Amino acid sequence: MRDRRADTGPGPPVSAPRPGEGDRRVQYSFAMLRVVQHPHTGAFKDVGVVLHSRPADFLGIRVISEVALLSKLAPDADIELLARYLESCRAIVAGDEDAGAIALLSKPERFYWLTAPRSDVIQASPVHVGVTLDPAAELDRLFDRCVRMKRSD
């Protein structure tokens, strides 16, 4: 039987803790946020990452905020609207009460609301899981690896 713990998507494979580290690792779930200019074609560009770790009580998001880059990634989209949409995702993750009722939900509920399937210009990838010692650093690593490195597309 195949070890399913290694199926973590773009995240790191599960590994044993280093000597002296103990097992302070926490499980996390994450999804890529994608710009889908034409939902009927399914073509997309990754523009962000949302990561949740229940054991660490962490919910974070990193998105491309540069309007020029968003314009390059989605030339047919209303870029100002797209930037506002991504900013609203950030406000929801932050629990900003001005972002509406969704932002007042618990962290797990906000994560699953943001990653729910939808047919819109912003969509989430399937949710993947992994383990890490530091969810905030893992969010940065995933953003750098899966979004920043693909910017040259």
C-alpha atoms as a PDB file:
ATOM      1  CA  MET A   1       0.000   0.000   0.000  1.00  0.00           C
ATOM      2  CA  ARG A   2       1.248   3.457  -0.896  1.00  0.00           C
ATOM      3  CA  ASP A   3       2.045   5.864   1.976  1.00  0.00           C
ATOM      4  CA  ARG A   4      -0.555   8.656   1.535  1.00  0.00           C
ATOM      5  CA  ARG A   5       1.280  10.957   3.959  1.00  0.00           C
ATOM      6  CA  ALA A   6       3.696  11.796   1.150  1.00  0.00           C
ATOM      7  CA  ASP A   7       0.832  13.178  -1.023  1.00  0.00           C
ATOM      8  CA  THR A   8       1.159  16.793   0.054  1.00  0.00           C
ATOM      9  CA  GLY A   9       1.012  18.522  -3.324  1.00  0.00           C
ATOM     10  CA  PRO A  10       3.497  21.372  -3.651  1.00  0.00           C
ATOM     11  CA  GLY A  11       4.230  21.247   0.074  1.00  0.00           C
ATOM     12  CA  PRO A  12       7.079  19.297   1.621  1.00  0.00           C
ATOM     13  CA  PRO A  13       6.887  15.539   2.081  1.00  0.00           C
ATOM     14  CA  VAL A  14       6.285  14.292   5.596  1.00  0.00           C
ATOM     15  CA  SER A  15       9.590  13.578   7.302  1.00  0.00           C
ATOM     16  CA  ALA A  16      10.837  12.679  10.754  1.00  0.00           C
ATOM     17  CA  PRO A  17      11.776  15.545  13.092  1.00  0.00           C
ATOM     18  CA  ARG A  18      15.426  16.500  13.287  1.00  0.00           C
ATOM     19  CA  PRO A  19      17.373  15.435  16.368  1.00  0.00           C
ATOM     20  CA  GLY A  20      16.543  17.662  19.344  1.00  0.00           C
ATOM     21  CA  GLU A  21      13.470  19.105  17.626  1.00  0.00           C
ATOM     22  CA  GLY A  22      10.932  16.816  19.202  1.00  0.00           C
ATOM     23  CA  ASP A  23       7.762  16.650  17.207  1.00  0.00           C
ATOM     24  CA  ARG A  24       6.499  20.233  17.269  1.00  0.00           C
ATOM     25  CA  ARG A  25       5.284  19.979  13.701  1.00  0.00           C
ATOM     26  CA  VAL A  26       1.686  20.896  13.004  1.00  0.00           C
ATOM     27  CA  GLN A  27      -0.585  19.842  10.208  1.00  0.00           C
ATOM     28  CA  TYR A  28      -1.822  22.478   7.792  1.00  0.00           C
ATOM     29  CA  SER A  29      -4.133  22.730   4.800  1.00  0.00           C
ATOM     30  CA  PHE A  30      -3.609  25.100   1.896  1.00  0.00           C
ATOM     31  CA  ALA A  31      -4.996  26.031  -1.477  1.00  0.00           C
ATOM     32  CA  MET A  32      -3.735  28.136  -4.332  1.00  0.00           C
ATOM     33  CA  LEU A  33      -5.861  31.122  -5.335  1.00  0.00           C
ATOM     34  CA  ARG A  34      -6.171  31.341  -9.095  1.00  0.00           C
ATOM     35  CA  VAL A  35      -7.257  33.928 -11.615  1.00  0.00           C
ATOM     36  CA  VAL A  36      -9.501  32.193 -14.130  1.00  0.00           C
ATOM     37  CA  GLN A  37     -10.184  34.783 -16.830  1.00  0.00           C
ATOM     38  CA  HIS A  38     -12.557  32.590 -18.776  1.00  0.00           C
ATOM     39  CA  PRO A  39     -14.093  29.983 -16.420  1.00  0.00           C
ATOM     40  CA  HIS A  40     -15.442  27.972 -19.359  1.00  0.00           C
ATOM     41  CA  THR A  41     -11.874  27.196 -20.544  1.00  0.00           C
ATOM     42  CA  GLY A  42     -10.441  26.388 -17.111  1.00  0.00           C
ATOM     43  CA  ALA A  43      -7.102  28.120 -17.878  1.00  0.00           C
ATOM     44  CA  PHE A  44      -5.694  29.835 -14.792  1.00  0.00           C
ATOM     45  CA  LYS A  45      -2.739  31.654 -13.242  1.00  0.00           C
ATOM     46  CA  ASP A  46      -1.869  31.255  -9.546  1.00  0.00           C
ATOM     47  CA  VAL A  47      -2.071  34.604  -7.740  1.00  0.00           C
ATOM     48  CA  GLY A  48      -1.995  33.593  -4.097  1.00  0.00           C
ATOM     49  CA  VAL A  49      -1.968  31.007  -1.333  1.00  0.00           C
ATOM     50  CA  VAL A  50      -4.255  30.620   1.660  1.00  0.00           C
ATOM     51  CA  LEU A  51      -3.028  28.388   4.507  1.00  0.00           C
ATOM     52  CA  HIS A  52      -4.780  27.173   7.652  1.00  0.00           C
ATOM     53  CA  SER A  53      -3.386  25.228  10.609  1.00  0.00           C
ATOM     54  CA  ARG A  54      -5.960  24.368  13.246  1.00  0.00           C
ATOM     55  CA  PRO A  55      -3.368  23.083  15.787  1.00  0.00           C
ATOM     56  CA  ALA A  56      -1.390  26.333  15.472  1.00  0.00           C
ATOM     57  CA  ASP A  57      -4.558  28.497  15.362  1.00  0.00           C
ATOM     58  CA  PHE A  58      -3.171  30.052  12.159  1.00  0.00           C
ATOM     59  CA  LEU A  59      -4.876  31.400   9.066  1.00  0.00           C
ATOM     60  CA  GLY A  60      -2.830  33.350   6.554  1.00  0.00           C
ATOM     61  CA  ILE A  61      -2.885  34.496   2.962  1.00  0.00           C
ATOM     62  CA  ARG A  62      -0.344  35.842   0.480  1.00  0.00           C
ATOM     63  CA  VAL A  63      -1.522  37.295  -2.826  1.00  0.00           C
ATOM     64  CA  ILE A  64      -0.082  39.251  -5.710  1.00  0.00           C
ATOM     65  CA  SER A  65      -1.071  42.858  -5.093  1.00  0.00           C
ATOM     66  CA  GLU A  66       0.826  44.618  -7.880  1.00  0.00           C
ATOM     67  CA  VAL A  67      -1.766  45.912 -10.364  1.00  0.00           C
ATOM     68  CA  ALA A  68       0.718  45.804 -13.268  1.00  0.00           C
ATOM     69  CA  LEU A  69       1.451  42.137 -12.647  1.00  0.00           C
ATOM     70  CA  LEU A  70      -2.226  41.260 -12.270  1.00  0.00           C
ATOM     71  CA  SER A  71      -2.844  43.055 -15.578  1.00  0.00           C
ATOM     72  CA  LYS A  72      -0.167  40.953 -17.233  1.00  0.00           C
ATOM     73  CA  LEU A  73      -1.571  37.715 -15.776  1.00  0.00           C
ATOM     74  CA  ALA A  74      -5.193  38.515 -16.660  1.00  0.00           C
ATOM     75  CA  PRO A  75      -5.245  41.037 -19.510  1.00  0.00           C
ATOM     76  CA  ASP A  76      -8.965  40.531 -20.214  1.00  0.00           C
ATOM     77  CA  ALA A  77     -10.070  40.992 -16.601  1.00  0.00           C
ATOM     78  CA  ASP A  78     -11.232  44.146 -14.836  1.00  0.00           C
ATOM     79  CA  ILE A  79      -7.963  44.607 -12.929  1.00  0.00           C
ATOM     80  CA  GLU A  80      -9.289  47.104 -10.385  1.00  0.00           C
ATOM     81  CA  LEU A  81     -12.126  44.720  -9.539  1.00  0.00           C
ATOM     82  CA  LEU A  82      -9.695  41.793  -9.362  1.00  0.00           C
ATOM     83  CA  ALA A  83      -7.393  43.723  -6.990  1.00  0.00           C
ATOM     84  CA  ARG A  84     -10.387  44.617  -4.773  1.00  0.00           C
ATOM     85  CA  TYR A  85     -11.495  40.977  -4.784  1.00  0.00           C
ATOM     86  CA  LEU A  86      -8.041  39.824  -3.643  1.00  0.00           C
ATOM     87  CA  GLU A  87      -7.980  42.559  -0.996  1.00  0.00           C
ATOM     88  CA  SER A  88     -11.353  41.338   0.289  1.00  0.00           C
ATOM     89  CA  CYS A  89      -9.872  37.833   0.594  1.00  0.00           C
ATOM     90  CA  ARG A  90      -7.079  39.310   2.724  1.00  0.00           C
ATOM     91  CA  ALA A  91      -9.604  41.155   4.896  1.00  0.00           C
ATOM     92  CA  ILE A  92     -11.619  37.955   5.400  1.00  0.00           C
ATOM     93  CA  VAL A  93      -8.501  36.048   6.465  1.00  0.00           C
ATOM     94  CA  ALA A  94      -7.587  38.874   8.865  1.00  0.00           C
ATOM     95  CA  GLY A  95     -11.064  38.761  10.407  1.00  0.00           C
ATOM     96  CA  ASP A  96     -11.641  42.428   9.542  1.00  0.00           C
ATOM     97  CA  GLU A  97     -15.197  43.188  10.652  1.00  0.00           C
ATOM     98  CA  ASP A  98     -15.557  45.642   7.735  1.00  0.00           C
ATOM     99  CA  ALA A  99     -15.236  42.641   5.373  1.00  0.00           C
ATOM    100  CA  GLY A 100     -18.699  41.426   6.329  1.00  0.00           C
ATOM    101  CA  ALA A 101     -20.220  38.445   8.083  1.00  0.00           C
ATOM    102  CA  ILE A 102     -17.815  35.872   6.582  1.00  0.00           C
ATOM    103  CA  ALA A 103     -14.850  37.626   8.232  1.00  0.00           C
ATOM    104  CA  LEU A 104     -16.497  37.121  11.631  1.00  0.00           C
ATOM    105  CA  LEU A 105     -16.577  33.330  11.292  1.00  0.00           C
ATOM    106  CA  SER A 106     -13.968  31.085  12.932  1.00  0.00           C
ATOM    107  CA  LYS A 107     -10.629  30.597  11.172  1.00  0.00           C
ATOM    108  CA  PRO A 108     -11.521  27.112   9.871  1.00  0.00           C
ATOM    109  CA  GLU A 109     -14.860  28.380   8.546  1.00  0.00           C
ATOM    110  CA  ARG A 110     -13.183  31.330   6.796  1.00  0.00           C
ATOM    111  CA  PHE A 111     -10.603  28.984   5.222  1.00  0.00           C
ATOM    112  CA  TYR A 112     -13.225  26.615   3.896  1.00  0.00           C
ATOM    113  CA  TRP A 113     -15.392  29.487   2.650  1.00  0.00           C
ATOM    114  CA  LEU A 114     -12.424  30.910   0.714  1.00  0.00           C
ATOM    115  CA  THR A 115     -11.544  27.507  -0.738  1.00  0.00           C
ATOM    116  CA  ALA A 116     -15.082  26.405  -1.630  1.00  0.00           C
ATOM    117  CA  PRO A 117     -15.564  25.580  -5.331  1.00  0.00           C
ATOM    118  CA  ARG A 118     -16.998  28.450  -7.339  1.00  0.00           C
ATOM    119  CA  SER A 119     -17.290  29.586 -10.927  1.00  0.00           C
ATOM    120  CA  ASP A 120     -15.752  33.027 -10.762  1.00  0.00           C
ATOM    121  CA  VAL A 121     -12.662  34.933 -11.847  1.00  0.00           C
ATOM    122  CA  ILE A 122     -10.978  33.947  -8.538  1.00  0.00           C
ATOM    123  CA  GLN A 123     -11.067  30.228  -7.737  1.00  0.00           C
ATOM    124  CA  ALA A 124      -9.235  28.013  -5.286  1.00  0.00           C
ATOM    125  CA  SER A 125      -7.318  24.883  -6.158  1.00  0.00           C
ATOM    126  CA  PRO A 126      -8.162  21.644  -4.411  1.00  0.00           C
ATOM    127  CA  VAL A 127      -7.059  21.742  -0.761  1.00  0.00           C
ATOM    128  CA  HIS A 128      -3.716  20.056  -0.036  1.00  0.00           C
ATOM    129  CA  VAL A 129      -2.189  19.142   3.333  1.00  0.00           C
ATOM    130  CA  GLY A 130       1.270  19.078   4.853  1.00  0.00           C
ATOM    131  CA  VAL A 131       3.162  19.418   8.113  1.00  0.00           C
ATOM    132  CA  THR A 132       5.446  22.207   9.261  1.00  0.00           C
ATOM    133  CA  LEU A 133       7.138  23.685  12.289  1.00  0.00           C
ATOM    134  CA  ASP A 134       6.086  27.232  11.314  1.00  0.00           C
ATOM    135  CA  PRO A 135       2.846  27.846   9.374  1.00  0.00           C
ATOM    136  CA  ALA A 136       3.700  31.497   8.592  1.00  0.00           C
ATOM    137  CA  ALA A 137       7.087  30.527   7.130  1.00  0.00           C
ATOM    138  CA  GLU A 138       5.432  27.699   5.203  1.00  0.00           C
ATOM    139  CA  LEU A 139       2.933  30.159   3.713  1.00  0.00           C
ATOM    140  CA  ASP A 140       5.828  32.350   2.540  1.00  0.00           C
ATOM    141  CA  ARG A 141       7.650  29.316   1.130  1.00  0.00           C
ATOM    142  CA  LEU A 142       4.587  28.132  -0.785  1.00  0.00           C
ATOM    143  CA  PHE A 143       3.953  31.625  -2.160  1.00  0.00           C
ATOM    144  CA  ASP A 144       7.576  31.954  -3.279  1.00  0.00           C
ATOM    145  CA  ARG A 145       7.648  28.479  -4.811  1.00  0.00           C
ATOM    146  CA  CYS A 146       4.208  28.289  -6.393  1.00  0.00           C
ATOM    147  CA  VAL A 147       3.350  31.895  -7.241  1.00  0.00           C
ATOM    148  CA  ARG A 148       6.501  34.027  -7.436  1.00  0.00           C
ATOM    149  CA  MET A 149       8.533  31.486  -9.409  1.00  0.00           C
ATOM    150  CA  LYS A 150       5.727  31.231 -11.988  1.00  0.00           C
ATOM    151  CA  ARG A 151       5.564  35.001 -12.534  1.00  0.00           C
ATOM    152  CA  SER A 152       7.850  34.713 -15.525  1.00  0.00           C
ATOM    153  CA  ASP A 153       5.125  32.736 -17.376  1.00  0.00           C
END
